[in-house]
Amino acid sequence: MKLMMIALDCTPPSLKAIHYISEIVPHLPDMNVLLFSVATGIHLTPEQLAIPDAGADLPLEHQHEKAQIEAMHDLAAEKLIEKGMDPERIKRRIKVISRGVGRDIIDEANALEVDTLAIGHRGLSKVREMLFGSVSSQILHAGKHRAIWVIE
């Protein structure tokens, strides 16, 4: 069975990526999906994040981030299921930021031996992208040995 990681944040490009992917992936019977997000402001371990009420004592902005990520994962799963994907083929994971969003996505993809990595592209200005880079650029440069989908 192959594994596609869909890297999501709570932005319109992630929504566009899900809409595009949901038209294709449910029709690939040998493809499982991992909905993956990097939490940039939450200070919990991955094990703590997996507990339903985890983070109740976090500051409000961190509770909000966790809720937003979970809502995006719910929306993505619903869209895939609506298009015919078996819910058993969909997994979810939130990782707390450690080395930077792009690097954390790549690290997770490598650890799980992901076959395909999909991400939405924000379309940064050329100057901003040159100065700071972008998550999609980092993934394209470091995403060896797998297919990369950058959806704009």
C-alpha atoms as a PDB file:
ATOM      1  CA  MET A   1       0.000   0.000   0.000  1.00  0.00           C
ATOM      2  CA  LYS A   2       1.341   3.449  -0.902  1.00  0.00           C
ATOM      3  CA  LEU A   3       1.160   6.473   1.402  1.00  0.00           C
ATOM      4  CA  MET A   4       0.448  10.081   0.432  1.00  0.00           C
ATOM      5  CA  MET A   5       1.136  12.734   3.048  1.00  0.00           C
ATOM      6  CA  ILE A   6      -0.984  15.846   2.598  1.00  0.00           C
ATOM      7  CA  ALA A   7       0.699  18.686   4.483  1.00  0.00           C
ATOM      8  CA  LEU A   8      -2.001  21.089   5.640  1.00  0.00           C
ATOM      9  CA  ASP A   9      -2.087  24.410   7.379  1.00  0.00           C
ATOM     10  CA  CYS A  10      -5.177  26.537   7.864  1.00  0.00           C
ATOM     11  CA  THR A  11      -4.857  28.609   4.698  1.00  0.00           C
ATOM     12  CA  PRO A  12      -6.751  28.843   1.395  1.00  0.00           C
ATOM     13  CA  PRO A  13      -3.950  27.048  -0.529  1.00  0.00           C
ATOM     14  CA  SER A  14      -4.450  24.010   1.722  1.00  0.00           C
ATOM     15  CA  LEU A  15      -8.158  24.045   0.894  1.00  0.00           C
ATOM     16  CA  LYS A  16      -7.380  24.232  -2.815  1.00  0.00           C
ATOM     17  CA  ALA A  17      -4.984  21.318  -2.444  1.00  0.00           C
ATOM     18  CA  ILE A  18      -7.636  19.209  -0.713  1.00  0.00           C
ATOM     19  CA  HIS A  19     -10.221  19.983  -3.393  1.00  0.00           C
ATOM     20  CA  TYR A  20      -7.770  18.950  -6.111  1.00  0.00           C
ATOM     21  CA  ILE A  21      -6.495  15.843  -4.331  1.00  0.00           C
ATOM     22  CA  SER A  22     -10.013  14.681  -3.457  1.00  0.00           C
ATOM     23  CA  GLU A  23     -10.829  14.417  -7.165  1.00  0.00           C
ATOM     24  CA  ILE A  24      -7.970  11.978  -7.761  1.00  0.00           C
ATOM     25  CA  VAL A  25      -6.787  10.048  -4.700  1.00  0.00           C
ATOM     26  CA  PRO A  26     -10.049   8.331  -3.674  1.00  0.00           C
ATOM     27  CA  HIS A  27      -9.900   6.530  -7.037  1.00  0.00           C
ATOM     28  CA  LEU A  28      -6.433   5.096  -6.348  1.00  0.00           C
ATOM     29  CA  PRO A  29      -7.220   1.915  -4.396  1.00  0.00           C
ATOM     30  CA  ASP A  30      -3.628   1.316  -3.288  1.00  0.00           C
ATOM     31  CA  MET A  31      -3.115   4.809  -1.807  1.00  0.00           C
ATOM     32  CA  ASN A  32      -3.544   5.620   1.882  1.00  0.00           C
ATOM     33  CA  VAL A  33      -3.569   9.239   3.046  1.00  0.00           C
ATOM     34  CA  LEU A  34      -1.974  10.938   6.024  1.00  0.00           C
ATOM     35  CA  LEU A  35      -3.347  14.383   6.849  1.00  0.00           C
ATOM     36  CA  PHE A  36      -0.375  16.090   8.459  1.00  0.00           C
ATOM     37  CA  SER A  37       0.100  19.474  10.092  1.00  0.00           C
ATOM     38  CA  VAL A  38       2.874  21.188  11.999  1.00  0.00           C
ATOM     39  CA  ALA A  39       1.646  23.137  15.032  1.00  0.00           C
ATOM     40  CA  THR A  40       3.798  26.239  15.364  1.00  0.00           C
ATOM     41  CA  GLY A  41       2.583  27.530  18.708  1.00  0.00           C
ATOM     42  CA  ILE A  42       1.570  24.472  20.729  1.00  0.00           C
ATOM     43  CA  HIS A  43       3.949  23.133  23.339  1.00  0.00           C
ATOM     44  CA  LEU A  44       2.752  19.547  23.812  1.00  0.00           C
ATOM     45  CA  THR A  45       4.289  16.229  22.880  1.00  0.00           C
ATOM     46  CA  PRO A  46       2.731  14.321  19.969  1.00  0.00           C
ATOM     47  CA  GLU A  47       1.331  11.825  22.494  1.00  0.00           C
ATOM     48  CA  GLN A  48      -0.334  14.643  24.442  1.00  0.00           C
ATOM     49  CA  LEU A  49      -1.762  16.121  21.229  1.00  0.00           C
ATOM     50  CA  ALA A  50      -3.458  12.800  20.451  1.00  0.00           C
ATOM     51  CA  ILE A  51      -5.521  12.951  23.663  1.00  0.00           C
ATOM     52  CA  PRO A  52      -8.948  14.519  22.896  1.00  0.00           C
ATOM     53  CA  ASP A  53      -8.940  17.024  25.785  1.00  0.00           C
ATOM     54  CA  ALA A  54      -5.203  17.675  25.664  1.00  0.00           C
ATOM     55  CA  GLY A  55      -4.327  21.317  25.729  1.00  0.00           C
ATOM     56  CA  ALA A  56      -7.320  22.448  27.764  1.00  0.00           C
ATOM     57  CA  ASP A  57      -4.891  24.227  30.064  1.00  0.00           C
ATOM     58  CA  LEU A  58      -2.959  25.789  27.162  1.00  0.00           C
ATOM     59  CA  PRO A  59      -3.221  29.515  26.522  1.00  0.00           C
ATOM     60  CA  LEU A  60      -6.289  30.372  24.455  1.00  0.00           C
ATOM     61  CA  GLU A  61      -4.325  31.070  21.240  1.00  0.00           C
ATOM     62  CA  HIS A  62      -2.761  27.592  21.368  1.00  0.00           C
ATOM     63  CA  GLN A  63      -6.133  25.952  22.023  1.00  0.00           C
ATOM     64  CA  HIS A  64      -7.396  27.888  19.013  1.00  0.00           C
ATOM     65  CA  GLU A  65      -4.522  26.649  16.812  1.00  0.00           C
ATOM     66  CA  LYS A  66      -5.138  23.013  17.791  1.00  0.00           C
ATOM     67  CA  ALA A  67      -8.874  23.416  17.116  1.00  0.00           C
ATOM     68  CA  GLN A  68      -8.168  25.018  13.713  1.00  0.00           C
ATOM     69  CA  ILE A  69      -5.842  22.196  12.689  1.00  0.00           C
ATOM     70  CA  GLU A  70      -8.335  19.549  13.800  1.00  0.00           C
ATOM     71  CA  ALA A  71     -11.115  21.353  11.881  1.00  0.00           C
ATOM     72  CA  MET A  72      -8.942  21.429   8.742  1.00  0.00           C
ATOM     73  CA  HIS A  73      -8.235  17.696   9.123  1.00  0.00           C
ATOM     74  CA  ASP A  74     -11.977  17.043   9.576  1.00  0.00           C
ATOM     75  CA  LEU A  75     -12.788  19.058   6.447  1.00  0.00           C
ATOM     76  CA  ALA A  76     -10.111  17.263   4.431  1.00  0.00           C
ATOM     77  CA  ALA A  77     -11.273  13.818   5.592  1.00  0.00           C
ATOM     78  CA  GLU A  78     -14.912  14.679   4.848  1.00  0.00           C
ATOM     79  CA  LYS A  79     -13.999  15.820   1.331  1.00  0.00           C
ATOM     80  CA  LEU A  80     -12.023  12.638   0.625  1.00  0.00           C
ATOM     81  CA  ILE A  81     -14.794  10.417   2.008  1.00  0.00           C
ATOM     82  CA  GLU A  82     -17.444  12.363   0.065  1.00  0.00           C
ATOM     83  CA  LYS A  83     -15.493  11.556  -3.121  1.00  0.00           C
ATOM     84  CA  GLY A  84     -15.442   7.853  -2.305  1.00  0.00           C
ATOM     85  CA  MET A  85     -12.384   7.226  -0.146  1.00  0.00           C
ATOM     86  CA  ASP A  86     -12.686   4.575   2.557  1.00  0.00           C
ATOM     87  CA  PRO A  87     -12.291   6.312   5.964  1.00  0.00           C
ATOM     88  CA  GLU A  88      -9.977   3.468   7.048  1.00  0.00           C
ATOM     89  CA  ARG A  89      -7.439   4.699   4.475  1.00  0.00           C
ATOM     90  CA  ILE A  90      -7.217   8.161   6.117  1.00  0.00           C
ATOM     91  CA  LYS A  91      -4.951   8.889   9.099  1.00  0.00           C
ATOM     92  CA  ARG A  92      -4.212  12.187  10.860  1.00  0.00           C
ATOM     93  CA  ARG A  93      -1.178  13.558  12.641  1.00  0.00           C
ATOM     94  CA  ILE A  94      -0.204  16.860  14.224  1.00  0.00           C
ATOM     95  CA  LYS A  95       3.455  17.429  15.011  1.00  0.00           C
ATOM     96  CA  VAL A  96       4.737  20.215  17.241  1.00  0.00           C
ATOM     97  CA  ILE A  97       7.281  22.353  15.416  1.00  0.00           C
ATOM     98  CA  SER A  98      10.885  21.498  16.163  1.00  0.00           C
ATOM     99  CA  ARG A  99      13.148  22.302  13.195  1.00  0.00           C
ATOM    100  CA  GLY A 100      10.858  24.532  11.119  1.00  0.00           C
ATOM    101  CA  VAL A 101       7.677  23.733   9.214  1.00  0.00           C
ATOM    102  CA  GLY A 102       9.327  22.600   5.976  1.00  0.00           C
ATOM    103  CA  ARG A 103      12.034  20.575   7.682  1.00  0.00           C
ATOM    104  CA  ASP A 104       9.499  18.949  10.050  1.00  0.00           C
ATOM    105  CA  ILE A 105       7.325  17.919   7.090  1.00  0.00           C
ATOM    106  CA  ILE A 106      10.338  16.413   5.337  1.00  0.00           C
ATOM    107  CA  ASP A 107      11.513  14.652   8.519  1.00  0.00           C
ATOM    108  CA  GLU A 108       8.081  13.076   9.003  1.00  0.00           C
ATOM    109  CA  ALA A 109       7.851  12.055   5.335  1.00  0.00           C
ATOM    110  CA  ASN A 110      11.263  10.400   5.599  1.00  0.00           C
ATOM    111  CA  ALA A 111      10.429   8.650   8.882  1.00  0.00           C
ATOM    112  CA  LEU A 112       7.203   7.228   7.445  1.00  0.00           C
ATOM    113  CA  GLU A 113       8.705   6.453   4.039  1.00  0.00           C
ATOM    114  CA  VAL A 114       5.970   8.458   2.321  1.00  0.00           C
ATOM    115  CA  ASP A 115       5.625   7.759  -1.413  1.00  0.00           C
ATOM    116  CA  THR A 116       3.947  11.050  -2.331  1.00  0.00           C
ATOM    117  CA  LEU A 117       3.961  14.396  -0.561  1.00  0.00           C
ATOM    118  CA  ALA A 118       1.320  17.005  -1.417  1.00  0.00           C
ATOM    119  CA  ILE A 119       1.227  20.621  -0.314  1.00  0.00           C
ATOM    120  CA  GLY A 120      -0.581  23.815  -1.238  1.00  0.00           C
ATOM    121  CA  HIS A 121       1.561  26.734  -2.431  1.00  0.00           C
ATOM    122  CA  ARG A 122       0.888  30.199  -1.017  1.00  0.00           C
ATOM    123  CA  GLY A 123       2.452  32.164  -3.840  1.00  0.00           C
ATOM    124  CA  LEU A 124       4.859  34.360  -1.895  1.00  0.00           C
ATOM    125  CA  SER A 125       6.264  37.359  -3.714  1.00  0.00           C
ATOM    126  CA  LYS A 126       9.542  36.601  -5.501  1.00  0.00           C
ATOM    127  CA  VAL A 127      11.480  38.901  -3.149  1.00  0.00           C
ATOM    128  CA  ARG A 128      10.009  37.327  -0.011  1.00  0.00           C
ATOM    129  CA  GLU A 129      10.562  33.808  -1.343  1.00  0.00           C
ATOM    130  CA  MET A 130      14.176  34.657  -2.252  1.00  0.00           C
ATOM    131  CA  LEU A 131      14.874  36.119   1.199  1.00  0.00           C
ATOM    132  CA  PHE A 132      13.018  33.646   3.386  1.00  0.00           C
ATOM    133  CA  GLY A 133      12.315  30.664   1.164  1.00  0.00           C
ATOM    134  CA  SER A 134       8.992  28.887   1.284  1.00  0.00           C
ATOM    135  CA  VAL A 135       7.827  25.608   2.706  1.00  0.00           C
ATOM    136  CA  SER A 136       6.998  24.299  -0.767  1.00  0.00           C
ATOM    137  CA  SER A 137      10.484  25.286  -2.032  1.00  0.00           C
ATOM    138  CA  GLN A 138      12.131  23.482   0.889  1.00  0.00           C
ATOM    139  CA  ILE A 139      10.082  20.378   0.187  1.00  0.00           C
ATOM    140  CA  LEU A 140      10.872  20.443  -3.532  1.00  0.00           C
ATOM    141  CA  HIS A 141      14.598  20.696  -2.834  1.00  0.00           C
ATOM    142  CA  ALA A 142      14.708  18.055  -0.090  1.00  0.00           C
ATOM    143  CA  GLY A 143      11.970  15.698  -1.254  1.00  0.00           C
ATOM    144  CA  LYS A 144      14.167  13.066  -2.833  1.00  0.00           C
ATOM    145  CA  HIS A 145      12.903   9.601  -3.709  1.00  0.00           C
ATOM    146  CA  ARG A 146       9.224  10.522  -3.739  1.00  0.00           C
ATOM    147  CA  ALA A 147       6.643  12.254  -5.886  1.00  0.00           C
ATOM    148  CA  ILE A 148       5.915  15.859  -4.840  1.00  0.00           C
ATOM    149  CA  TRP A 149       2.636  17.583  -5.638  1.00  0.00           C
ATOM    150  CA  VAL A 150       2.657  21.359  -5.199  1.00  0.00           C
ATOM    151  CA  ILE A 151      -0.857  22.626  -5.806  1.00  0.00           C
ATOM    152  CA  GLU A 152      -1.296  26.295  -6.560  1.00  0.00           C
END
